[in-house]
Amino acid sequence: MKRFVVGDIHGAYKALEQCLERSGFDRDKDLLISLGDISDGWPEVHKTIDLILSLKNFQVVLGNHDAWALRWMLSGWKGSEWTGQGGEATLESYQNSRKNVPQSHKQLFESAPFFLELGNKLFVHGGLESGIEIRKQDPEFLLWDRNLLYDAVRKSRMGVHHQYGPWEDIFIGHTTTQVYKTFEPIHACNVWAMDTGAGWSGKLTLMDVDSHQFWQSDFTPDLYPEHPGRR
C-alpha cells in the first residue's frame, strides 16, 4: 500500500480524477488522505465525496469549509461568510436542498478528525500552536491557523531548519501557495503546504507521503470554463 495526501479539493472532482490517474493511484490498495476543504468552490462537491467514499482506503481531516458545509447539511444555515466563499457551489451540487445530501456525506464530515497522526507524520488542515500538545489544542486553531506556514517559510528563507513538534513531516492545507506566487507545494522546515490553489485559479496536488513525489491536475478554471468558481 502506498500513502498519498491531497490538498484542498474544493469541489473540483475533475482535478481529483486527474491526480489519481496521473499518480497511478491504486483505488483498491492505496491510501488517500485528504487535508480537508473537500467542499466549496467548484460545483462537483457531491461527486467528489462520492469518489472519496468509493475508495477502499481513505482518511479525511476536517477543513474549515467542510465545517461550514456540515453546518448547512445539519441545520440549513447559510451564513454569508460561507456562501460568499464558495458555499454557493456546494449548494449547487446538492440542488440547493439538504434532502439531496446522502447520510454518508454527512457522516464523512461528522467523523472527520481535526488532525491525523500516522507514525512520524502529522496531517492537519490549518496549522498548530507551537508548544502545546496536539491533543490539547483548540480545534478552531487547527482549522484556521496560517502562522505555522508563515513562520516556517520565514525561518526557511533565513536558512534556519526548525522542527515543529516531534514529527518528521507536517502536511497542511488551508493557505494556498499562491500567496508565495507558486502553484507547487512548499516545503519549509518540516512543513509541507499542499493547498496549491485548486479552489481558486491554481491546481490540485497529490503527493506520495513517503517519497514526496507529487502530481498535479490542470488549472481548475480550465476544467470548469463555464463556472465562475472563485477566480
Protein backbone atom coordinates (compact mmCIF):
# COMPACT_ATOMS: atom_id res chain seq x y z
CA MET A 1 0.00 0.00 0.00
CA LYS A 2 1.22 3.47 -0.94
CA ARG A 3 0.11 6.51 1.02
CA PHE A 4 -0.94 9.71 -0.71
CA VAL A 5 -2.04 13.10 0.60
CA VAL A 6 -4.15 15.55 -1.37
CA GLY A 7 -4.56 19.29 -0.85
CA ASP A 8 -7.78 21.30 -0.71
CA ILE A 9 -10.07 19.94 -3.44
CA HIS A 10 -12.90 22.49 -3.19
CA GLY A 11 -15.39 20.55 -5.29
CA ALA A 12 -13.01 20.05 -8.22
CA TYR A 13 -13.92 16.45 -8.96
CA LYS A 14 -12.26 16.53 -12.38
CA ALA A 15 -8.99 17.66 -10.80
CA LEU A 16 -9.09 14.83 -8.26
CA GLU A 17 -9.69 12.30 -11.03
CA GLN A 18 -6.70 13.67 -12.95
CA CYS A 19 -4.42 13.45 -9.91
CA LEU A 20 -5.45 9.88 -9.14
CA GLU A 21 -4.90 8.82 -12.74
CA ARG A 22 -1.58 10.63 -13.20
CA SER A 23 -0.14 9.22 -9.98
CA GLY A 24 -1.13 5.64 -10.74
CA PHE A 25 -3.16 5.54 -7.52
CA ASP A 26 -4.49 2.02 -6.89
CA ARG A 27 -8.09 2.51 -5.75
CA ASP A 28 -8.20 -0.94 -4.17
CA LYS A 29 -4.89 -0.86 -2.30
CA ASP A 30 -3.53 2.65 -1.79
CA LEU A 31 -4.46 5.12 0.96
CA LEU A 32 -5.74 8.63 0.22
CA ILE A 33 -5.51 11.26 2.96
CA SER A 34 -7.46 14.47 2.41
CA LEU A 35 -6.33 17.59 4.25
CA GLY A 36 -9.86 18.97 4.24
CA ASP A 37 -11.82 21.59 2.32
CA ILE A 38 -13.35 19.00 0.05
CA SER A 39 -16.33 21.32 -0.28
CA ASP A 40 -16.97 24.86 -1.62
CA GLY A 41 -15.52 26.48 -4.71
CA TRP A 42 -16.33 24.33 -7.76
CA PRO A 43 -19.70 22.70 -8.44
CA GLU A 44 -18.97 18.98 -8.02
CA VAL A 45 -18.76 18.54 -4.25
CA HIS A 46 -21.31 15.71 -4.36
CA LYS A 47 -19.32 13.78 -6.97
CA THR A 48 -16.05 14.46 -5.17
CA ILE A 49 -17.33 12.98 -1.91
CA ASP A 50 -18.81 10.00 -3.78
CA LEU A 51 -15.41 9.37 -5.32
CA ILE A 52 -13.61 9.53 -1.97
CA LEU A 53 -16.15 7.19 -0.39
CA SER A 54 -15.69 4.72 -3.25
CA LEU A 55 -12.01 4.23 -2.37
CA LYS A 56 -11.08 1.21 -0.28
CA ASN A 57 -8.75 3.21 1.96
CA PHE A 58 -9.19 6.87 2.80
CA GLN A 59 -8.81 9.29 5.70
CA VAL A 60 -10.29 12.78 5.80
CA VAL A 61 -9.16 15.60 8.08
CA LEU A 62 -11.83 18.26 8.66
CA GLY A 63 -11.36 21.61 6.94
CA ASN A 64 -13.00 24.91 7.84
CA HIS A 65 -15.08 24.86 4.64
CA ASP A 66 -16.21 21.33 5.45
CA ALA A 67 -17.28 22.50 8.91
CA TRP A 68 -19.36 25.23 7.26
CA ALA A 69 -20.87 22.78 4.75
CA LEU A 70 -21.70 20.34 7.53
CA ARG A 71 -23.46 23.10 9.46
CA TRP A 72 -25.71 23.66 6.46
CA MET A 73 -26.26 19.91 5.99
CA LEU A 74 -27.41 19.55 9.59
CA SER A 75 -29.31 22.78 10.22
CA GLY A 76 -29.90 24.62 6.96
CA TRP A 77 -27.63 27.50 7.99
CA LYS A 78 -26.48 29.64 5.05
CA GLY A 79 -24.21 32.26 6.56
CA SER A 80 -22.85 34.88 4.17
CA GLU A 81 -19.31 34.07 5.31
CA TRP A 82 -19.88 30.62 3.86
CA THR A 83 -21.97 31.31 0.74
CA GLY A 84 -19.68 34.19 -0.21
CA GLN A 85 -16.58 32.00 -0.04
CA GLY A 86 -17.56 29.07 -2.20
CA GLY A 87 -20.61 27.77 -0.37
CA GLU A 88 -22.90 28.58 -3.28
CA ALA A 89 -21.10 25.90 -5.32
CA THR A 90 -21.75 23.33 -2.59
CA LEU A 91 -25.42 24.28 -2.57
CA GLU A 92 -25.46 23.96 -6.36
CA SER A 93 -24.01 20.45 -6.21
CA TYR A 94 -26.92 19.34 -3.98
CA GLN A 95 -29.54 21.29 -5.96
CA ASN A 96 -29.86 23.70 -3.03
CA SER A 97 -31.64 21.11 -0.90
CA ARG A 98 -30.47 19.24 2.19
CA LYS A 99 -32.78 16.40 1.13
CA ASN A 100 -30.25 15.62 -1.59
CA VAL A 101 -27.38 15.15 0.86
CA PRO A 102 -26.72 11.42 1.43
CA GLN A 103 -26.28 10.38 5.04
CA SER A 104 -22.83 9.06 4.13
CA HIS A 105 -21.75 12.58 3.15
CA LYS A 106 -22.82 13.98 6.50
CA GLN A 107 -21.12 11.14 8.31
CA LEU A 108 -17.88 11.74 6.43
CA PHE A 109 -17.61 15.25 7.84
CA GLU A 110 -19.10 14.40 11.24
CA SER A 111 -16.49 11.69 11.79
CA ALA A 112 -13.54 13.62 10.32
CA PRO A 113 -10.88 14.39 12.97
CA PHE A 114 -9.18 17.76 13.36
CA PHE A 115 -5.81 16.07 12.85
CA LEU A 116 -4.36 12.71 11.94
CA GLU A 117 -1.08 11.15 13.01
CA LEU A 118 0.47 8.30 11.03
CA GLY A 119 3.74 7.32 12.63
CA ASN A 120 6.04 10.34 12.44
CA LYS A 121 3.77 12.31 10.10
CA LEU A 122 1.02 14.77 11.02
CA PHE A 123 -1.88 15.84 8.82
CA VAL A 124 -3.88 18.93 9.78
CA HIS A 125 -5.89 21.43 7.79
CA GLY A 126 -4.73 24.79 9.09
CA GLY A 127 -1.79 24.54 11.43
CA LEU A 128 -0.97 24.26 15.10
CA GLU A 129 0.10 26.31 18.07
CA SER A 130 3.73 25.76 18.96
CA GLY A 131 4.46 24.38 22.42
CA ILE A 132 1.03 22.86 23.03
CA GLU A 133 0.49 19.10 22.83
CA ILE A 134 -1.58 18.36 19.74
CA ARG A 135 -4.45 16.71 21.64
CA LYS A 136 -4.84 19.79 23.85
CA GLN A 137 -5.06 22.32 21.04
CA ASP A 138 -8.11 24.40 20.24
CA PRO A 139 -9.91 22.77 17.27
CA GLU A 140 -10.57 26.22 15.81
CA PHE A 141 -6.84 26.84 15.75
CA LEU A 142 -6.24 23.56 13.93
CA LEU A 143 -8.85 24.57 11.34
CA TRP A 144 -7.88 28.20 10.81
CA ASP A 145 -4.21 28.79 11.68
CA ARG A 146 -1.90 30.18 9.00
CA ASN A 147 1.00 31.24 11.20
CA LEU A 148 2.64 27.81 11.14
CA LEU A 149 3.25 28.13 7.40
CA TYR A 150 4.22 31.80 7.56
CA ASP A 151 6.72 31.12 10.35
CA ALA A 152 8.15 28.04 8.64
CA VAL A 153 8.68 29.91 5.37
CA ARG A 154 10.27 32.84 7.18
CA LYS A 155 12.68 30.57 9.06
CA SER A 156 13.47 28.55 5.94
CA ARG A 157 14.33 31.69 3.97
CA MET A 158 16.68 32.69 6.77
CA GLY A 159 18.43 29.34 6.47
CA VAL A 160 17.03 28.06 9.77
CA HIS A 161 15.78 24.48 9.80
CA HIS A 162 13.36 24.36 12.70
CA GLN A 163 11.39 21.23 13.57
CA TYR A 164 7.84 21.91 14.67
CA GLY A 165 6.71 19.26 17.13
CA PRO A 166 8.00 15.67 17.13
CA TRP A 167 7.01 14.89 13.55
CA GLU A 168 9.27 14.36 10.56
CA ASP A 169 6.64 15.87 8.25
CA ILE A 170 3.60 18.07 8.87
CA PHE A 171 1.20 18.23 5.92
CA ILE A 172 -1.18 21.20 5.88
CA GLY A 173 -3.77 22.74 3.57
CA HIS A 174 -5.85 25.90 4.06
CA THR A 175 -3.30 28.53 2.95
CA THR A 176 -2.78 28.44 -0.79
CA THR A 177 0.79 28.50 -2.05
CA GLN A 178 -0.36 31.21 -4.44
CA VAL A 179 0.41 33.55 -1.54
CA TYR A 180 4.05 32.79 -2.37
CA LYS A 181 3.47 33.03 -6.14
CA THR A 182 3.77 29.32 -6.84
CA PHE A 183 1.36 26.58 -7.85
CA GLU A 184 3.57 23.85 -6.38
CA PRO A 185 3.74 22.51 -2.81
CA ILE A 186 6.01 24.42 -0.45
CA HIS A 187 8.46 22.58 1.81
CA ALA A 188 9.65 24.78 4.67
CA CYS A 189 11.36 23.26 7.72
CA ASN A 190 9.31 20.10 8.37
CA VAL A 191 6.11 21.62 6.97
CA TRP A 192 4.58 20.72 3.60
CA ALA A 193 1.98 23.19 2.30
CA MET A 194 -0.31 21.24 -0.02
CA ASP A 195 -3.02 23.75 -0.98
CA THR A 196 -1.84 24.77 -4.43
CA GLY A 197 -4.90 26.82 -5.30
CA ALA A 198 -7.37 24.28 -6.69
CA GLY A 199 -10.20 26.25 -5.11
CA TRP A 200 -9.11 29.39 -6.91
CA SER A 201 -7.07 29.71 -10.10
CA GLY A 202 -4.48 27.04 -9.30
CA LYS A 203 -4.09 23.29 -9.43
CA LEU A 204 -4.83 20.31 -7.22
CA THR A 205 -1.80 18.42 -5.90
CA LEU A 206 -1.47 14.79 -4.81
CA MET A 207 1.75 13.70 -3.07
CA ASP A 208 3.26 10.37 -2.09
CA VAL A 209 3.63 10.79 1.66
CA ASP A 210 6.82 8.76 1.85
CA SER A 211 8.74 9.72 -1.31
CA HIS A 212 7.36 13.28 -1.62
CA GLN A 213 6.87 12.82 -5.35
CA PHE A 214 3.81 14.75 -6.47
CA TRP A 215 1.36 15.00 -9.33
CA GLN A 216 -0.93 17.85 -10.30
CA SER A 217 -4.15 18.48 -12.16
CA ASP A 218 -4.68 21.02 -14.88
CA PHE A 219 -5.58 24.52 -13.74
CA THR A 220 -9.06 24.17 -12.28
CA PRO A 221 -10.62 27.14 -14.15
CA ASP A 222 -9.69 25.29 -17.37
CA LEU A 223 -11.57 22.22 -16.11
CA TYR A 224 -14.70 24.28 -15.37
CA PRO A 225 -14.67 27.01 -18.04
CA GLU A 226 -18.39 27.72 -17.73
CA HIS A 227 -18.40 28.06 -13.94
CA PRO A 228 -17.22 31.26 -12.22
CA GLY A 229 -15.67 29.37 -9.30
CA ARG A 230 -13.53 31.55 -7.02
CA ARG A 231 -11.20 33.12 -9.56
